[in-house]
Amino acid sequence: MRILCALLIVLCAPSFAVISDAQRAANDLCEMEWRITDRSMSTHLSTRQIVSEEVQAFEADGHALSDYAIEKDDFISVSVKGAETYRKMAKGVSYPYADTRDFLRGRMMPLCIKNVLETLKK
């Protein structure tokens, strides 16, 4: 019984970590989303490859999308579509992406963090 309780505590630990520091959890998830957007708009790598690499890095840092009530396959699918949309948008503007990068990050991050925090409160 003690082993079962210890195992249960260990398995639940990542979830408690996310819940105990919601601000950091929201920031980490939004940083990953920003890196996906940024790499999609500034490189020619496959958007699926970019998303896969960022999700792997996110998980390697001890996070799990399930801690945010996000299905991994859904996240990957939606992120690939979003990255492709951002890439098309970047090609359609007359100024270099590097000139607007900071502006986009400044607009995206606060809104993303706010939305993630609201979701974590539910």
N, C-alpha and C. Protein backbone atom coordinates (compact mmCIF):
# COMPACT_ATOMS: atom_id res chain seq x y z
N MET A 1 0.82 -1.20 0.00
CA MET A 1 0.00 0.00 0.00
C MET A 1 0.87 1.27 0.00
N ARG A 2 1.94 1.25 0.80
CA ARG A 2 2.83 2.41 0.84
C ARG A 2 3.48 2.66 -0.52
N ILE A 3 3.83 1.58 -1.20
CA ILE A 3 4.44 1.71 -2.52
C ILE A 3 3.45 2.32 -3.50
N LEU A 4 2.21 1.87 -3.42
CA LEU A 4 1.17 2.40 -4.31
C LEU A 4 0.95 3.90 -4.06
N CYS A 5 0.91 4.29 -2.79
CA CYS A 5 0.74 5.72 -2.47
C CYS A 5 1.93 6.55 -2.96
N ALA A 6 3.13 6.03 -2.76
CA ALA A 6 4.32 6.75 -3.23
C ALA A 6 4.32 6.88 -4.74
N LEU A 7 3.93 5.81 -5.43
CA LEU A 7 3.86 5.84 -6.89
C LEU A 7 2.83 6.86 -7.36
N LEU A 8 1.69 6.91 -6.70
CA LEU A 8 0.64 7.87 -7.06
C LEU A 8 1.14 9.30 -6.88
N ILE A 9 1.84 9.56 -5.81
CA ILE A 9 2.37 10.91 -5.57
C ILE A 9 3.38 11.30 -6.63
N VAL A 10 4.27 10.38 -6.98
CA VAL A 10 5.28 10.67 -8.00
C VAL A 10 4.63 10.92 -9.35
N LEU A 11 3.63 10.12 -9.71
CA LEU A 11 2.97 10.28 -11.00
C LEU A 11 2.20 11.59 -11.09
N CYS A 12 1.71 12.07 -9.98
CA CYS A 12 0.92 13.31 -9.98
C CYS A 12 1.79 14.56 -9.81
N ALA A 13 3.03 14.41 -9.47
CA ALA A 13 3.91 15.55 -9.17
C ALA A 13 3.94 16.60 -10.27
N PRO A 14 4.08 16.28 -11.55
CA PRO A 14 4.11 17.33 -12.56
C PRO A 14 2.83 18.16 -12.58
N SER A 15 1.70 17.54 -12.35
CA SER A 15 0.44 18.28 -12.33
C SER A 15 0.41 19.27 -11.18
N PHE A 16 0.89 18.84 -10.00
CA PHE A 16 0.91 19.74 -8.87
C PHE A 16 1.86 20.91 -9.12
N ALA A 17 2.96 20.65 -9.80
CA ALA A 17 3.92 21.71 -10.09
C ALA A 17 3.30 22.78 -10.97
N VAL A 18 2.53 22.38 -11.95
CA VAL A 18 1.89 23.35 -12.83
C VAL A 18 0.85 24.15 -12.06
N ILE A 19 0.05 23.46 -11.28
CA ILE A 19 -1.01 24.13 -10.54
C ILE A 19 -0.43 25.05 -9.48
N SER A 20 0.67 24.66 -8.85
CA SER A 20 1.22 25.48 -7.77
C SER A 20 1.85 26.78 -8.27
N ASP A 21 2.25 26.83 -9.51
CA ASP A 21 2.84 28.05 -10.07
C ASP A 21 2.22 28.32 -11.44
N ALA A 22 0.98 28.77 -11.42
CA ALA A 22 0.23 28.97 -12.66
C ALA A 22 0.87 30.01 -13.56
N GLN A 23 1.43 31.05 -12.99
CA GLN A 23 2.06 32.10 -13.80
C GLN A 23 3.23 31.54 -14.60
N ARG A 24 4.07 30.76 -13.94
CA ARG A 24 5.22 30.16 -14.64
C ARG A 24 4.75 29.16 -15.70
N ALA A 25 3.74 28.37 -15.36
CA ALA A 25 3.22 27.39 -16.31
C ALA A 25 2.67 28.09 -17.55
N ALA A 26 1.92 29.17 -17.34
CA ALA A 26 1.37 29.92 -18.47
C ALA A 26 2.50 30.52 -19.31
N ASN A 27 3.49 31.06 -18.65
CA ASN A 27 4.62 31.65 -19.37
C ASN A 27 5.37 30.60 -20.19
N ASP A 28 5.59 29.43 -19.61
CA ASP A 28 6.32 28.37 -20.32
C ASP A 28 5.55 27.89 -21.55
N LEU A 29 4.25 27.71 -21.42
CA LEU A 29 3.44 27.28 -22.57
C LEU A 29 3.44 28.35 -23.66
N CYS A 30 3.29 29.59 -23.26
CA CYS A 30 3.26 30.68 -24.24
C CYS A 30 4.62 30.89 -24.89
N GLU A 31 5.69 30.67 -24.15
CA GLU A 31 7.04 30.74 -24.74
C GLU A 31 7.19 29.70 -25.84
N MET A 32 6.66 28.50 -25.59
CA MET A 32 6.73 27.46 -26.61
C MET A 32 5.93 27.88 -27.84
N GLU A 33 4.73 28.41 -27.62
CA GLU A 33 3.91 28.85 -28.74
C GLU A 33 4.60 29.99 -29.51
N TRP A 34 5.26 30.88 -28.78
CA TRP A 34 5.98 31.96 -29.45
C TRP A 34 7.12 31.41 -30.30
N ARG A 35 7.87 30.47 -29.75
CA ARG A 35 8.98 29.89 -30.52
C ARG A 35 8.48 29.21 -31.79
N ILE A 36 7.33 28.56 -31.71
CA ILE A 36 6.74 27.94 -32.91
C ILE A 36 6.43 29.02 -33.94
N THR A 37 5.78 30.08 -33.50
CA THR A 37 5.42 31.18 -34.41
C THR A 37 6.67 31.83 -34.98
N ASP A 38 7.61 32.14 -34.13
CA ASP A 38 8.83 32.82 -34.55
C ASP A 38 9.63 31.99 -35.55
N ARG A 39 9.82 30.73 -35.25
CA ARG A 39 10.58 29.86 -36.16
C ARG A 39 9.84 29.66 -37.48
N SER A 40 8.53 29.60 -37.42
CA SER A 40 7.74 29.42 -38.65
C SER A 40 7.88 30.61 -39.57
N MET A 41 7.96 31.79 -38.98
CA MET A 41 8.03 33.00 -39.79
C MET A 41 9.46 33.36 -40.19
N SER A 42 10.45 32.79 -39.53
CA SER A 42 11.82 33.21 -39.82
C SER A 42 12.70 32.11 -40.43
N THR A 43 12.16 30.90 -40.59
CA THR A 43 12.94 29.82 -41.19
C THR A 43 12.11 29.14 -42.28
N HIS A 44 12.76 28.25 -43.01
CA HIS A 44 12.07 27.49 -44.05
C HIS A 44 11.87 26.04 -43.64
N LEU A 45 12.06 25.73 -42.38
CA LEU A 45 11.85 24.36 -41.90
C LEU A 45 10.38 23.99 -42.03
N SER A 46 10.10 22.73 -42.11
CA SER A 46 8.73 22.24 -42.13
C SER A 46 8.03 22.67 -40.84
N THR A 47 6.80 23.15 -40.96
CA THR A 47 6.07 23.57 -39.76
C THR A 47 5.83 22.38 -38.84
N ARG A 48 5.59 21.21 -39.39
CA ARG A 48 5.40 20.01 -38.56
C ARG A 48 6.69 19.71 -37.78
N GLN A 49 7.83 19.87 -38.41
CA GLN A 49 9.10 19.64 -37.74
C GLN A 49 9.31 20.65 -36.62
N ILE A 50 9.00 21.91 -36.89
CA ILE A 50 9.14 22.96 -35.87
C ILE A 50 8.28 22.64 -34.66
N VAL A 51 7.01 22.33 -34.91
CA VAL A 51 6.08 22.04 -33.81
C VAL A 51 6.56 20.81 -33.03
N SER A 52 6.95 19.77 -33.73
CA SER A 52 7.41 18.54 -33.06
C SER A 52 8.63 18.81 -32.19
N GLU A 53 9.58 19.56 -32.70
CA GLU A 53 10.79 19.89 -31.93
C GLU A 53 10.45 20.71 -30.69
N GLU A 54 9.56 21.68 -30.83
CA GLU A 54 9.20 22.52 -29.69
C GLU A 54 8.42 21.74 -28.63
N VAL A 55 7.54 20.85 -29.06
CA VAL A 55 6.79 20.02 -28.11
C VAL A 55 7.75 19.08 -27.38
N GLN A 56 8.70 18.50 -28.10
CA GLN A 56 9.69 17.63 -27.46
C GLN A 56 10.52 18.40 -26.44
N ALA A 57 10.93 19.61 -26.77
CA ALA A 57 11.71 20.43 -25.84
C ALA A 57 10.87 20.79 -24.62
N PHE A 58 9.60 21.10 -24.84
CA PHE A 58 8.67 21.44 -23.76
C PHE A 58 8.54 20.25 -22.80
N GLU A 59 8.37 19.07 -23.36
CA GLU A 59 8.25 17.86 -22.54
C GLU A 59 9.57 17.53 -21.85
N ALA A 60 10.69 17.78 -22.51
CA ALA A 60 12.00 17.53 -21.91
C ALA A 60 12.24 18.44 -20.70
N ASP A 61 11.58 19.60 -20.68
CA ASP A 61 11.69 20.51 -19.54
C ASP A 61 10.79 20.11 -18.38
N GLY A 62 10.11 18.96 -18.51
CA GLY A 62 9.28 18.45 -17.43
C GLY A 62 7.81 18.82 -17.53
N HIS A 63 7.40 19.41 -18.62
CA HIS A 63 6.00 19.78 -18.80
C HIS A 63 5.26 18.67 -19.55
N ALA A 64 3.96 18.70 -19.42
CA ALA A 64 3.10 17.82 -20.20
C ALA A 64 1.90 18.63 -20.64
N LEU A 65 1.55 18.54 -21.90
CA LEU A 65 0.39 19.29 -22.39
C LEU A 65 -0.87 18.88 -21.65
N SER A 66 -0.93 17.65 -21.18
CA SER A 66 -2.10 17.19 -20.44
C SER A 66 -2.28 17.96 -19.13
N ASP A 67 -1.20 18.52 -18.58
CA ASP A 67 -1.31 19.36 -17.38
C ASP A 67 -2.13 20.61 -17.65
N TYR A 68 -2.22 20.98 -18.90
CA TYR A 68 -2.97 22.16 -19.32
C TYR A 68 -4.32 21.76 -19.93
N ALA A 69 -4.68 20.50 -19.78
CA ALA A 69 -5.91 19.95 -20.37
C ALA A 69 -5.90 20.07 -21.89
N ILE A 70 -4.73 19.83 -22.48
CA ILE A 70 -4.56 19.91 -23.93
C ILE A 70 -4.17 18.53 -24.44
N GLU A 71 -4.88 18.05 -25.44
CA GLU A 71 -4.52 16.80 -26.10
C GLU A 71 -3.32 17.06 -27.00
N LYS A 72 -2.28 16.26 -26.87
CA LYS A 72 -1.05 16.47 -27.62
C LYS A 72 -1.29 16.46 -29.13
N ASP A 73 -2.04 15.48 -29.63
CA ASP A 73 -2.29 15.39 -31.08
C ASP A 73 -3.06 16.60 -31.59
N ASP A 74 -4.04 17.06 -30.80
CA ASP A 74 -4.80 18.25 -31.18
C ASP A 74 -3.90 19.48 -31.20
N PHE A 75 -3.05 19.61 -30.19
CA PHE A 75 -2.15 20.75 -30.11
C PHE A 75 -1.23 20.79 -31.33
N ILE A 76 -0.68 19.64 -31.67
CA ILE A 76 0.23 19.58 -32.81
C ILE A 76 -0.49 19.95 -34.09
N SER A 77 -1.68 19.41 -34.29
CA SER A 77 -2.46 19.70 -35.50
C SER A 77 -2.79 21.19 -35.61
N VAL A 78 -3.29 21.76 -34.54
CA VAL A 78 -3.67 23.17 -34.54
C VAL A 78 -2.43 24.06 -34.69
N SER A 79 -1.35 23.70 -34.04
CA SER A 79 -0.12 24.50 -34.12
C SER A 79 0.48 24.47 -35.52
N VAL A 80 0.42 23.32 -36.19
CA VAL A 80 0.93 23.23 -37.56
C VAL A 80 0.11 24.13 -38.47
N LYS A 81 -1.22 24.08 -38.34
CA LYS A 81 -2.08 24.94 -39.17
C LYS A 81 -1.81 26.42 -38.87
N GLY A 82 -1.69 26.76 -37.60
CA GLY A 82 -1.40 28.14 -37.22
C GLY A 82 -0.06 28.61 -37.74
N ALA A 83 0.94 27.75 -37.65
CA ALA A 83 2.28 28.10 -38.13
C ALA A 83 2.27 28.32 -39.64
N GLU A 84 1.53 27.50 -40.36
CA GLU A 84 1.43 27.68 -41.81
C GLU A 84 0.73 28.99 -42.15
N THR A 85 -0.28 29.35 -41.37
CA THR A 85 -0.98 30.62 -41.58
C THR A 85 -0.05 31.80 -41.33
N TYR A 86 0.70 31.75 -40.23
CA TYR A 86 1.66 32.83 -39.93
C TYR A 86 2.72 32.93 -41.02
N ARG A 87 3.17 31.79 -41.51
CA ARG A 87 4.19 31.79 -42.56
C ARG A 87 3.64 32.47 -43.83
N LYS A 88 2.40 32.17 -44.19
CA LYS A 88 1.79 32.81 -45.37
C LYS A 88 1.65 34.31 -45.14
N MET A 89 1.28 34.68 -43.92
CA MET A 89 1.13 36.09 -43.59
C MET A 89 2.47 36.81 -43.74
N ALA A 90 3.54 36.18 -43.27
CA ALA A 90 4.87 36.80 -43.35
C ALA A 90 5.30 37.00 -44.80
N LYS A 91 4.93 36.08 -45.67
CA LYS A 91 5.29 36.20 -47.08
C LYS A 91 4.49 37.31 -47.77
N GLY A 92 3.32 37.63 -47.24
CA GLY A 92 2.45 38.60 -47.88
C GLY A 92 2.69 40.05 -47.52
N VAL A 93 3.58 40.31 -46.58
CA VAL A 93 3.83 41.69 -46.18
C VAL A 93 5.06 42.23 -46.90
N SER A 94 5.13 43.53 -47.02
CA SER A 94 6.20 44.15 -47.81
C SER A 94 7.44 44.50 -46.99
N TYR A 95 7.41 44.28 -45.69
CA TYR A 95 8.57 44.59 -44.85
C TYR A 95 9.10 43.29 -44.23
N PRO A 96 10.35 43.27 -43.87
CA PRO A 96 10.95 42.04 -43.33
C PRO A 96 10.35 41.66 -41.97
N TYR A 97 10.23 40.37 -41.76
CA TYR A 97 9.69 39.87 -40.49
C TYR A 97 10.51 40.38 -39.31
N ALA A 98 11.81 40.45 -39.45
CA ALA A 98 12.68 40.89 -38.35
C ALA A 98 12.28 42.27 -37.83
N ASP A 99 11.72 43.11 -38.69
CA ASP A 99 11.31 44.46 -38.28
C ASP A 99 10.07 44.45 -37.39
N THR A 100 9.25 43.42 -37.48
CA THR A 100 8.01 43.36 -36.70
C THR A 100 8.03 42.30 -35.61
N ARG A 101 9.11 41.58 -35.51
CA ARG A 101 9.21 40.45 -34.57
C ARG A 101 8.89 40.88 -33.14
N ASP A 102 9.55 41.91 -32.65
CA ASP A 102 9.34 42.36 -31.27
C ASP A 102 7.91 42.84 -31.05
N PHE A 103 7.35 43.52 -32.05
CA PHE A 103 5.97 43.99 -31.94
C PHE A 103 5.02 42.80 -31.80
N LEU A 104 5.19 41.78 -32.64
CA LEU A 104 4.31 40.61 -32.59
C LEU A 104 4.44 39.88 -31.25
N ARG A 105 5.65 39.74 -30.78
CA ARG A 105 5.86 39.07 -29.49
C ARG A 105 5.19 39.86 -28.36
N GLY A 106 5.35 41.16 -28.40
CA GLY A 106 4.74 42.01 -27.39
C GLY A 106 3.23 41.96 -27.38
N ARG A 107 2.63 41.69 -28.52
CA ARG A 107 1.17 41.57 -28.61
C ARG A 107 0.70 40.17 -28.24
N MET A 108 1.47 39.16 -28.66
CA MET A 108 1.05 37.78 -28.47
C MET A 108 1.19 37.30 -27.03
N MET A 109 2.32 37.55 -26.42
CA MET A 109 2.62 36.96 -25.11
C MET A 109 1.63 37.35 -24.00
N PRO A 110 1.33 38.62 -23.79
CA PRO A 110 0.39 38.95 -22.71
C PRO A 110 -0.99 38.33 -22.91
N LEU A 111 -1.47 38.33 -24.14
CA LEU A 111 -2.78 37.75 -24.42
C LEU A 111 -2.76 36.24 -24.20
N CYS A 112 -1.71 35.59 -24.66
CA CYS A 112 -1.57 34.15 -24.48
C CYS A 112 -1.53 33.80 -22.99
N ILE A 113 -0.71 34.51 -22.23
CA ILE A 113 -0.58 34.23 -20.80
C ILE A 113 -1.92 34.43 -20.09
N LYS A 114 -2.62 35.50 -20.43
CA LYS A 114 -3.94 35.75 -19.83
C LYS A 114 -4.89 34.60 -20.12
N ASN A 115 -4.93 34.13 -21.37
CA ASN A 115 -5.83 33.04 -21.74
C ASN A 115 -5.46 31.73 -21.05
N VAL A 116 -4.18 31.44 -20.94
CA VAL A 116 -3.75 30.21 -20.27
C VAL A 116 -4.09 30.27 -18.78
N LEU A 117 -3.85 31.41 -18.15
CA LEU A 117 -4.18 31.54 -16.72
C LEU A 117 -5.67 31.36 -16.48
N GLU A 118 -6.50 31.91 -17.36
CA GLU A 118 -7.95 31.73 -17.22
C GLU A 118 -8.33 30.26 -17.36
N THR A 119 -7.69 29.56 -18.28
CA THR A 119 -7.97 28.14 -18.48
C THR A 119 -7.51 27.33 -17.27
N LEU A 120 -6.37 27.65 -16.70
CA LEU A 120 -5.86 26.92 -15.54
C LEU A 120 -6.73 27.13 -14.31
N LYS A 121 -7.42 28.26 -14.22
CA LYS A 121 -8.28 28.53 -13.07
C LYS A 121 -9.55 27.68 -13.10
N LYS A 122 -9.91 27.20 -14.28
CA LYS A 122 -11.15 26.42 -14.40
C LYS A 122 -10.99 25.03 -13.84
